[in-house]
Amino acid sequence: MIKYSKLNKKFGKLEVLKNLNLEIRKGSINAILGPNGSGKTTLIKCLLGMVIPDSGTIEINGKEVKGQWMYREEIDYMPQIANFPPNLKVKEIISMIKDIRNREARDLELIEYFGLQPFLNKQLSNLSGGTKQKVNIVLAFMFDNPLLILDEPTNGLDPVALLKLKELIAKEIKRGKTILFTTHIIRLVEELAEDIVFLLEGKTYYQGPVAGLLEKHEAKDLEHAIADIFSTHVKETAE
C-alpha cells in the first residue's frame, strides 16, 4: 500500500533520512521503532506532506504523492503532541475538525467511550495532559479512513485509558485498516504489531515480524533484541 523509495531528507547539515527504502502491506499494523533521531517522525511527516523530502519518492496504492493532496483525505493522523488552540472548548475543536473534513464522524461514540462528556464545555487550556490526549484520540479515530497513523499515541494516558486505546486499535485492525504507529512501550508492540520497522540513522535496519528480529539477535524478547541493537550500534559508531 505504501512504498518509500530512496528517500532522503536533511535539516541543515543533519541527515535524517538516508536513501531509505520501505514497503508497508495493505491491511497490516506496523510499529515504527528506533532511537531518538532515527527518523521516525520525519518518515511519517513525509507521508503526510508535512515535510518535503529532498529526493526519492513515496507512493500510496501505486500513485506518487508528491504534488498531490487528495490522498490525505483517506488518512487519519494522531500527532505525538497536539497543539490545540487553548481558548477553544473541547466540543468546539471536535466540531471544527468535523466541519473541515466534512465527513461522517463517530465522535459521540468515542466521547462516551473515553468518558469525555464532563469536559466538552471546558477550554482545552484547562485540561490535564491525559485528557488532552483523549481528545487527540477522538479526533484521530472519529473518521473511518483506510490508513491510520499514530505517533506516540499513549503519551499521558492512565492505565484505564491505555487499555481502551489498545482495544480501539485492535478493533481497527479487525476492520482491515493499515496502521502505522510509533511508541516507546515495548509491550504495546508485542501485543499489537504484525511487523516491526526499525530505523537506525535514517535507514531501515529491519522490517518484518517480531520473531524475525528475535532470531536475528538471538534474544529472548523484544526488549533484549532492541538493547542488543543499541549496544552493537554504539560499539560500531565508536570504532
Protein backbone atom coordinates (compact mmCIF):
# COMPACT_ATOMS: atom_id res chain seq x y z
CA MET A 1 0.00 0.00 0.00
CA ILE A 2 2.82 2.41 0.94
CA LYS A 3 6.21 2.46 -0.76
CA TYR A 4 9.20 4.65 0.12
CA SER A 5 11.97 4.59 -2.49
CA LYS A 6 15.45 6.08 -1.95
CA LEU A 7 14.08 8.76 0.36
CA ASN A 8 16.46 11.43 1.61
CA LYS A 9 15.89 14.35 3.94
CA LYS A 10 18.27 16.82 5.55
CA PHE A 11 17.60 19.57 8.07
CA GLY A 12 20.59 21.81 7.58
CA LYS A 13 23.64 19.55 7.87
CA LEU A 14 21.71 16.87 9.75
CA GLU A 15 20.81 13.86 7.58
CA VAL A 16 17.57 12.47 9.00
CA LEU A 17 16.60 10.03 6.22
CA LYS A 18 19.34 8.42 4.13
CA ASN A 19 18.33 6.64 0.94
CA LEU A 20 15.53 4.93 2.85
CA ASN A 21 13.53 2.11 1.24
CA LEU A 22 10.42 0.68 2.84
CA GLU A 23 7.17 -1.04 1.84
CA ILE A 24 4.07 -1.32 4.03
CA ARG A 25 1.50 -4.00 3.25
CA LYS A 26 -2.15 -3.08 2.95
CA GLY A 27 -4.17 -4.17 5.98
CA SER A 28 -1.12 -4.62 8.23
CA ILE A 29 -0.24 -2.98 11.54
CA ASN A 30 3.32 -1.77 11.80
CA ALA A 31 5.31 -0.46 14.75
CA ILE A 32 7.88 2.15 13.70
CA LEU A 33 10.73 1.85 16.18
CA GLY A 34 14.19 3.31 16.62
CA PRO A 35 16.24 5.55 18.90
CA ASN A 36 15.58 9.27 19.17
CA GLY A 37 16.71 11.00 16.00
CA SER A 38 16.42 7.88 13.84
CA GLY A 39 13.85 9.48 11.52
CA LYS A 40 10.56 8.01 12.76
CA THR A 41 8.53 11.21 12.90
CA THR A 42 10.14 12.57 9.72
CA LEU A 43 9.17 9.36 7.92
CA ILE A 44 5.55 9.90 8.95
CA LYS A 45 5.52 13.63 8.17
CA CYS A 46 6.90 12.99 4.69
CA LEU A 47 3.99 10.63 4.06
CA LEU A 48 1.55 13.29 5.26
CA GLY A 49 3.11 16.03 3.15
CA MET A 50 4.14 17.98 6.25
CA VAL A 51 7.82 17.54 5.35
CA ILE A 52 9.06 17.56 1.75
CA PRO A 53 11.83 15.02 1.00
CA ASP A 54 14.99 16.26 -0.69
CA SER A 55 14.89 13.29 -3.07
CA GLY A 56 13.20 9.94 -3.53
CA THR A 57 9.55 9.02 -3.91
CA ILE A 58 6.57 7.97 -1.79
CA GLU A 59 3.70 6.01 -3.33
CA ILE A 60 0.31 5.05 -1.94
CA ASN A 61 -1.52 2.34 -3.89
CA GLY A 62 0.92 2.78 -6.75
CA LYS A 63 0.49 6.55 -7.10
CA GLU A 64 3.20 9.04 -6.17
CA VAL A 65 2.05 11.54 -3.55
CA LYS A 66 4.40 14.41 -4.46
CA GLY A 67 2.42 17.47 -5.54
CA GLN A 68 -0.85 15.81 -4.58
CA TRP A 69 -3.19 16.36 -1.64
CA MET A 70 -6.40 14.40 -2.23
CA TYR A 71 -4.79 11.19 -0.93
CA ARG A 72 -4.70 12.74 2.56
CA GLU A 73 -8.49 12.54 2.74
CA GLU A 74 -8.08 8.79 3.29
CA ILE A 75 -5.61 9.18 6.17
CA ASP A 76 -6.35 9.63 9.88
CA TYR A 77 -3.46 11.03 11.88
CA MET A 78 -2.76 11.40 15.58
CA PRO A 79 0.29 13.60 16.24
CA GLN A 80 2.62 13.00 19.16
CA ILE A 81 1.77 16.41 20.61
CA ALA A 82 -1.49 18.07 19.65
CA ASN A 83 -1.13 21.84 19.83
CA PHE A 84 -4.77 22.75 20.24
CA PRO A 85 -5.91 26.43 20.27
CA PRO A 86 -6.06 26.95 24.06
CA ASN A 87 -9.15 29.17 24.07
CA LEU A 88 -11.35 26.62 22.30
CA LYS A 89 -13.64 24.28 24.17
CA VAL A 90 -13.44 20.53 23.61
CA LYS A 91 -16.76 20.45 21.77
CA GLU A 92 -15.62 23.35 19.57
CA ILE A 93 -12.40 21.67 18.41
CA ILE A 94 -14.30 18.47 17.61
CA SER A 95 -16.93 20.43 15.68
CA MET A 96 -14.25 22.40 13.82
CA ILE A 97 -12.43 19.25 12.65
CA LYS A 98 -15.73 17.72 11.55
CA ASP A 99 -16.51 20.84 9.51
CA ILE A 100 -13.04 20.87 7.92
CA ARG A 101 -13.14 17.24 6.87
CA ASN A 102 -16.87 17.28 6.06
CA ARG A 103 -17.20 13.54 6.62
CA GLU A 104 -19.48 11.30 8.63
CA ALA A 105 -17.98 11.00 12.11
CA ARG A 106 -18.41 8.78 15.15
CA ASP A 107 -17.41 11.41 17.68
CA LEU A 108 -20.34 10.80 20.03
CA GLU A 109 -19.43 7.13 20.36
CA LEU A 110 -15.80 7.93 21.14
CA ILE A 111 -16.66 10.75 23.56
CA GLU A 112 -18.71 8.28 25.58
CA TYR A 113 -16.07 5.54 25.26
CA PHE A 114 -13.37 7.75 26.81
CA GLY A 115 -15.69 9.48 29.29
CA LEU A 116 -15.19 12.97 27.89
CA GLN A 117 -18.76 14.23 28.41
CA PRO A 118 -17.87 16.27 31.55
CA PHE A 119 -15.11 18.09 29.64
CA LEU A 120 -16.97 19.12 26.49
CA ASN A 121 -17.60 22.68 27.72
CA LYS A 122 -14.12 23.17 29.15
CA GLN A 123 -11.37 25.06 27.38
CA LEU A 124 -8.51 22.96 26.14
CA SER A 125 -6.02 25.07 28.13
CA ASN A 126 -7.68 23.90 31.35
CA LEU A 127 -7.39 20.18 30.64
CA SER A 128 -4.79 17.78 32.03
CA GLY A 129 -2.29 16.21 29.64
CA GLY A 130 -4.10 12.88 29.77
CA THR A 131 -7.48 14.43 28.94
CA LYS A 132 -5.96 16.37 26.03
CA GLN A 133 -4.58 13.08 24.73
CA LYS A 134 -8.06 11.54 24.88
CA VAL A 135 -9.35 14.45 22.78
CA ASN A 136 -6.45 13.79 20.41
CA ILE A 137 -7.56 10.16 20.13
CA VAL A 138 -11.17 11.13 19.39
CA LEU A 139 -10.04 13.46 16.60
CA ALA A 140 -7.89 10.74 15.04
CA PHE A 141 -10.36 7.86 15.25
CA MET A 142 -13.67 9.58 14.52
CA PHE A 143 -13.36 9.23 10.73
CA ASP A 144 -13.36 5.85 9.02
CA ASN A 145 -10.34 6.00 6.70
CA PRO A 146 -8.24 3.06 5.45
CA LEU A 147 -4.88 4.42 6.71
CA LEU A 148 -4.34 5.29 10.38
CA ILE A 149 -1.11 6.87 11.63
CA LEU A 150 -0.44 7.19 15.37
CA ASP A 151 2.67 9.00 16.63
CA GLU A 152 3.31 8.02 20.28
CA PRO A 153 -0.44 7.62 20.99
CA THR A 154 -0.03 6.53 24.63
CA ASN A 155 1.54 9.76 25.92
CA GLY A 156 -0.04 10.84 29.20
CA LEU A 157 -2.70 8.13 29.31
CA ASP A 158 -3.67 6.48 32.59
CA PRO A 159 -3.89 2.64 32.68
CA VAL A 160 -7.65 2.60 32.02
CA ALA A 161 -7.40 4.92 29.02
CA LEU A 162 -4.41 2.96 27.72
CA LEU A 163 -6.42 -0.26 27.85
CA LYS A 164 -9.28 1.42 25.98
CA LEU A 165 -6.88 2.70 23.33
CA LYS A 166 -5.44 -0.78 22.79
CA GLU A 167 -8.95 -2.20 22.45
CA LEU A 168 -9.81 0.52 19.95
CA ILE A 169 -6.70 -0.19 17.86
CA ALA A 170 -7.48 -3.92 17.93
CA LYS A 171 -10.95 -3.21 16.54
CA GLU A 172 -9.48 -1.15 13.71
CA ILE A 173 -7.09 -3.99 12.88
CA LYS A 174 -10.02 -6.39 12.55
CA ARG A 175 -11.67 -3.94 10.16
CA GLY A 176 -8.71 -4.33 7.80
CA LYS A 177 -7.11 -0.92 8.21
CA THR A 178 -3.45 -0.23 7.53
CA ILE A 179 -1.92 1.15 10.72
CA LEU A 180 1.45 2.75 11.43
CA PHE A 181 2.36 3.66 14.99
CA THR A 182 5.42 4.83 16.86
CA THR A 183 5.89 4.01 20.53
CA HIS A 184 8.46 3.51 23.25
CA ILE A 185 6.23 0.97 25.01
CA ILE A 186 7.58 -2.44 24.04
CA ARG A 187 4.59 -4.33 25.38
CA LEU A 188 2.29 -2.39 23.04
CA VAL A 189 4.42 -3.53 20.11
CA GLU A 190 4.37 -7.15 21.26
CA GLU A 191 0.59 -7.09 21.75
CA LEU A 192 -0.43 -5.34 18.55
CA ALA A 193 2.20 -5.21 15.81
CA GLU A 194 2.33 -7.67 12.92
CA ASP A 195 5.51 -6.14 11.57
CA ILE A 196 8.29 -4.02 13.03
CA VAL A 197 10.05 -1.31 11.08
CA PHE A 198 13.25 -0.48 12.96
CA LEU A 199 15.03 2.67 11.83
CA LEU A 200 18.67 3.36 12.59
CA GLU A 201 20.38 6.56 11.49
CA GLY A 202 17.73 7.27 8.88
CA LYS A 203 17.79 3.84 7.26
CA THR A 204 15.64 0.73 7.53
CA TYR A 205 17.66 -1.58 9.77
CA TYR A 206 14.95 -4.25 9.96
CA GLN A 207 11.44 -4.87 8.67
CA GLY A 208 9.46 -7.97 9.48
CA PRO A 209 7.75 -9.86 12.30
CA VAL A 210 8.87 -9.69 15.92
CA ALA A 211 10.02 -13.32 15.76
CA GLY A 212 12.44 -12.50 12.96
CA LEU A 213 14.12 -9.75 14.96
CA LEU A 214 14.42 -12.03 18.00
CA GLU A 215 16.04 -14.71 15.86
CA LYS A 216 18.42 -12.23 14.26
CA HIS A 217 19.71 -11.08 17.64
CA GLU A 218 19.27 -14.41 19.46
CA ALA A 219 17.15 -12.60 22.05
CA LYS A 220 14.53 -14.00 24.40
CA ASP A 221 12.22 -10.99 23.97
CA LEU A 222 11.87 -7.75 22.03
CA GLU A 223 13.31 -5.62 24.82
CA HIS A 224 16.57 -7.58 24.79
CA ALA A 225 16.71 -7.55 20.97
CA ILE A 226 16.43 -3.76 20.89
CA ALA A 227 19.02 -3.42 23.65
CA ASP A 228 21.39 -5.55 21.56
CA ILE A 229 20.80 -3.33 18.51
CA PHE A 230 21.61 -0.24 20.55
CA SER A 231 24.75 -1.69 22.15
CA THR A 232 26.04 -3.04 18.84
CA HIS A 233 25.41 0.29 17.14
CA VAL A 234 27.22 2.21 19.89
CA LYS A 235 30.26 -0.09 19.51
CA GLU A 236 30.31 0.23 15.74
CA THR A 237 30.00 4.02 15.92
CA ALA A 238 32.86 4.23 18.42
CA GLU A 239 35.23 2.18 16.28
